[in-house]
Amino acid sequence: QVQLVESGGGLVEPGGSLRLSCAASGSIFSIRAMGWYRQALGKQRDLVASLTSSTGTNYADSVKGRFTISRDNTKNTVYLQMNSLKPEDTAVYYCNVNVMGPGGLKTYWGQGTQVTVSS
């Protein structure tokens, strides 16, 4: 089993910055992909950014140039640096990790962290 622990959400004014972290632990042979999704109130969960060893990084058009996804392989941790935040970035952010473990390739979700952009 794999556990994901997210941190870094909070309240920030428009134009501000936040950095989200998601640490994976447990029975991990390798991590194939890591990413961040978000879900605003009353809306579906959408991809924000992803990072894979084969295809590199991918960003939603709405965050390109403002958000940066990165990964620390030594800590099995993925980060999302969010700059120039806008009110429309307000949502619950979830990390998503594809892990190869004893049971094969599985996908895991973090518990979610609230990001609120407001003055």
C-alpha atoms as a PDB file:
ATOM      1  CA  GLN A   1       0.000   0.000   0.000  1.00  0.00           C
ATOM      2  CA  VAL A   2       1.059   3.563  -0.716  1.00  0.00           C
ATOM      3  CA  GLN A   3       0.269   6.665   1.291  1.00  0.00           C
ATOM      4  CA  LEU A   4       0.256  10.205  -0.093  1.00  0.00           C
ATOM      5  CA  VAL A   5       0.511  13.204   2.210  1.00  0.00           C
ATOM      6  CA  GLU A   6      -0.198  16.642   0.785  1.00  0.00           C
ATOM      7  CA  SER A   7       0.699  19.986   2.292  1.00  0.00           C
ATOM      8  CA  GLY A   8       1.052  23.635   1.387  1.00  0.00           C
ATOM      9  CA  GLY A   9      -2.454  24.856   0.676  1.00  0.00           C
ATOM     10  CA  GLY A  10      -3.978  27.943   2.211  1.00  0.00           C
ATOM     11  CA  LEU A  11      -5.348  31.425   1.657  1.00  0.00           C
ATOM     12  CA  VAL A  12      -3.405  33.828  -0.543  1.00  0.00           C
ATOM     13  CA  GLU A  13      -4.147  37.172  -2.161  1.00  0.00           C
ATOM     14  CA  PRO A  14      -4.348  37.509  -5.954  1.00  0.00           C
ATOM     15  CA  GLY A  15      -0.864  37.705  -7.412  1.00  0.00           C
ATOM     16  CA  GLY A  16       0.607  35.703  -4.568  1.00  0.00           C
ATOM     17  CA  SER A  17       2.377  32.354  -4.531  1.00  0.00           C
ATOM     18  CA  LEU A  18       2.023  28.973  -2.883  1.00  0.00           C
ATOM     19  CA  ARG A  19       3.936  25.720  -3.110  1.00  0.00           C
ATOM     20  CA  LEU A  20       2.166  22.411  -2.732  1.00  0.00           C
ATOM     21  CA  SER A  21       3.958  19.218  -1.758  1.00  0.00           C
ATOM     22  CA  CYS A  22       2.920  15.579  -2.002  1.00  0.00           C
ATOM     23  CA  ALA A  23       5.075  12.883  -0.435  1.00  0.00           C
ATOM     24  CA  ALA A  24       4.585   9.219  -1.312  1.00  0.00           C
ATOM     25  CA  SER A  25       5.575   6.414   1.028  1.00  0.00           C
ATOM     26  CA  GLY A  26       5.021   2.689   1.350  1.00  0.00           C
ATOM     27  CA  SER A  27       5.570  -0.241  -1.000  1.00  0.00           C
ATOM     28  CA  ILE A  28       7.108   1.574  -3.977  1.00  0.00           C
ATOM     29  CA  PHE A  29       9.319  -0.038  -6.602  1.00  0.00           C
ATOM     30  CA  SER A  30       9.198   2.956  -8.895  1.00  0.00           C
ATOM     31  CA  ILE A  31       7.024   5.976  -9.619  1.00  0.00           C
ATOM     32  CA  ARG A  32       5.988   6.221 -13.254  1.00  0.00           C
ATOM     33  CA  ALA A  33       4.100   9.503 -13.137  1.00  0.00           C
ATOM     34  CA  MET A  34       3.143  12.239 -10.705  1.00  0.00           C
ATOM     35  CA  GLY A  35       0.643  14.996 -11.171  1.00  0.00           C
ATOM     36  CA  TRP A  36      -1.728  17.538  -9.716  1.00  0.00           C
ATOM     37  CA  TYR A  37      -5.453  17.910 -10.325  1.00  0.00           C
ATOM     38  CA  ARG A  38      -7.893  20.439  -8.971  1.00  0.00           C
ATOM     39  CA  GLN A  39     -11.606  20.564  -8.361  1.00  0.00           C
ATOM     40  CA  ALA A  40     -13.466  23.792  -7.856  1.00  0.00           C
ATOM     41  CA  LEU A  41     -16.793  23.819  -6.052  1.00  0.00           C
ATOM     42  CA  GLY A  42     -19.472  22.337  -8.274  1.00  0.00           C
ATOM     43  CA  LYS A  43     -17.074  21.467 -11.062  1.00  0.00           C
ATOM     44  CA  GLN A  44     -15.271  18.367 -12.270  1.00  0.00           C
ATOM     45  CA  ARG A  45     -11.735  17.427 -11.315  1.00  0.00           C
ATOM     46  CA  ASP A  46      -9.285  18.608 -13.974  1.00  0.00           C
ATOM     47  CA  LEU A  47      -5.603  18.050 -14.658  1.00  0.00           C
ATOM     48  CA  VAL A  48      -3.369  20.959 -13.659  1.00  0.00           C
ATOM     49  CA  ALA A  49       0.087  19.541 -14.352  1.00  0.00           C
ATOM     50  CA  SER A  50       1.775  16.190 -14.783  1.00  0.00           C
ATOM     51  CA  LEU A  51       5.314  14.856 -14.872  1.00  0.00           C
ATOM     52  CA  THR A  52       6.344  11.525 -16.325  1.00  0.00           C
ATOM     53  CA  SER A  53       9.726  10.009 -17.050  1.00  0.00           C
ATOM     54  CA  SER A  54       8.745   9.295 -20.646  1.00  0.00           C
ATOM     55  CA  THR A  55       6.852  12.410 -21.736  1.00  0.00           C
ATOM     56  CA  GLY A  56       8.138  15.100 -19.405  1.00  0.00           C
ATOM     57  CA  THR A  57       5.872  17.860 -18.151  1.00  0.00           C
ATOM     58  CA  ASN A  58       2.362  18.798 -19.229  1.00  0.00           C
ATOM     59  CA  TYR A  59       0.305  21.784 -18.081  1.00  0.00           C
ATOM     60  CA  ALA A  60      -3.269  22.935 -18.432  1.00  0.00           C
ATOM     61  CA  ASP A  61      -3.430  26.002 -20.665  1.00  0.00           C
ATOM     62  CA  SER A  62      -4.852  28.067 -17.815  1.00  0.00           C
ATOM     63  CA  VAL A  63      -1.712  27.639 -15.676  1.00  0.00           C
ATOM     64  CA  LYS A  64       1.075  27.668 -18.286  1.00  0.00           C
ATOM     65  CA  GLY A  65       3.742  30.191 -17.411  1.00  0.00           C
ATOM     66  CA  ARG A  66       2.493  30.515 -13.815  1.00  0.00           C
ATOM     67  CA  PHE A  67       2.726  27.010 -12.323  1.00  0.00           C
ATOM     68  CA  THR A  68       5.725  24.680 -12.259  1.00  0.00           C
ATOM     69  CA  ILE A  69       5.669  20.991 -11.402  1.00  0.00           C
ATOM     70  CA  SER A  70       8.819  19.327 -10.121  1.00  0.00           C
ATOM     71  CA  ARG A  71       9.874  16.147  -8.412  1.00  0.00           C
ATOM     72  CA  ASP A  72      12.445  15.036  -5.855  1.00  0.00           C
ATOM     73  CA  ASN A  73      13.145  11.390  -6.589  1.00  0.00           C
ATOM     74  CA  THR A  74      15.133  10.918  -3.392  1.00  0.00           C
ATOM     75  CA  LYS A  75      12.062  11.831  -1.357  1.00  0.00           C
ATOM     76  CA  ASN A  76       9.347  10.458  -3.674  1.00  0.00           C
ATOM     77  CA  THR A  77       7.839  13.920  -3.520  1.00  0.00           C
ATOM     78  CA  VAL A  78       6.153  16.055  -6.149  1.00  0.00           C
ATOM     79  CA  TYR A  79       5.806  19.813  -5.876  1.00  0.00           C
ATOM     80  CA  LEU A  80       3.604  22.401  -7.520  1.00  0.00           C
ATOM     81  CA  GLN A  81       4.931  25.938  -7.417  1.00  0.00           C
ATOM     82  CA  MET A  82       2.067  28.308  -8.080  1.00  0.00           C
ATOM     83  CA  ASN A  83       2.838  31.940  -8.898  1.00  0.00           C
ATOM     84  CA  SER A  84       0.680  34.867  -9.984  1.00  0.00           C
ATOM     85  CA  LEU A  85      -2.333  33.184  -8.458  1.00  0.00           C
ATOM     86  CA  LYS A  86      -5.794  34.241  -9.578  1.00  0.00           C
ATOM     87  CA  PRO A  87      -9.198  33.891  -7.904  1.00  0.00           C
ATOM     88  CA  GLU A  88     -10.117  31.303 -10.532  1.00  0.00           C
ATOM     89  CA  ASP A  89      -7.301  29.076  -9.215  1.00  0.00           C
ATOM     90  CA  THR A  90      -9.366  28.555  -6.052  1.00  0.00           C
ATOM     91  CA  ALA A  91     -10.022  24.814  -5.692  1.00  0.00           C
ATOM     92  CA  VAL A  92      -9.130  21.682  -3.807  1.00  0.00           C
ATOM     93  CA  TYR A  93      -5.856  20.392  -5.222  1.00  0.00           C
ATOM     94  CA  TYR A  94      -5.165  16.647  -5.352  1.00  0.00           C
ATOM     95  CA  CYS A  95      -1.914  14.899  -6.141  1.00  0.00           C
ATOM     96  CA  ASN A  96      -2.025  11.780  -8.279  1.00  0.00           C
ATOM     97  CA  VAL A  97       0.735   9.201  -8.434  1.00  0.00           C
ATOM     98  CA  ASN A  98       1.193   6.103 -10.622  1.00  0.00           C
ATOM     99  CA  VAL A  99       3.246   3.606  -8.650  1.00  0.00           C
ATOM    100  CA  MET A 100       4.775   0.276  -9.584  1.00  0.00           C
ATOM    101  CA  GLY A 101       4.674  -1.876  -6.463  1.00  0.00           C
ATOM    102  CA  PRO A 102       4.328  -5.503  -5.382  1.00  0.00           C
ATOM    103  CA  GLY A 103       0.797  -5.598  -6.786  1.00  0.00           C
ATOM    104  CA  GLY A 104       1.674  -4.032 -10.132  1.00  0.00           C
ATOM    105  CA  LEU A 105       0.964  -0.542 -11.466  1.00  0.00           C
ATOM    106  CA  LYS A 106      -1.586   1.355  -9.408  1.00  0.00           C
ATOM    107  CA  THR A 107      -2.862   4.919  -9.143  1.00  0.00           C
ATOM    108  CA  TYR A 108      -3.183   6.719  -5.848  1.00  0.00           C
ATOM    109  CA  TRP A 109      -4.753  10.039  -4.847  1.00  0.00           C
ATOM    110  CA  GLY A 110      -3.823  12.439  -2.083  1.00  0.00           C
ATOM    111  CA  GLN A 111      -6.375  13.659   0.446  1.00  0.00           C
ATOM    112  CA  GLY A 112      -6.644  17.084  -1.167  1.00  0.00           C
ATOM    113  CA  THR A 113      -5.560  20.507   0.016  1.00  0.00           C
ATOM    114  CA  GLN A 114      -7.609  23.681  -0.250  1.00  0.00           C
ATOM    115  CA  VAL A 115      -6.191  26.646  -2.133  1.00  0.00           C
ATOM    116  CA  THR A 116      -8.152  29.878  -1.838  1.00  0.00           C
ATOM    117  CA  VAL A 117      -7.159  32.993  -3.768  1.00  0.00           C
ATOM    118  CA  SER A 118      -8.986  36.026  -2.448  1.00  0.00           C
ATOM    119  CA  SER A 119      -8.409  39.549  -1.262  1.00  0.00           C
END
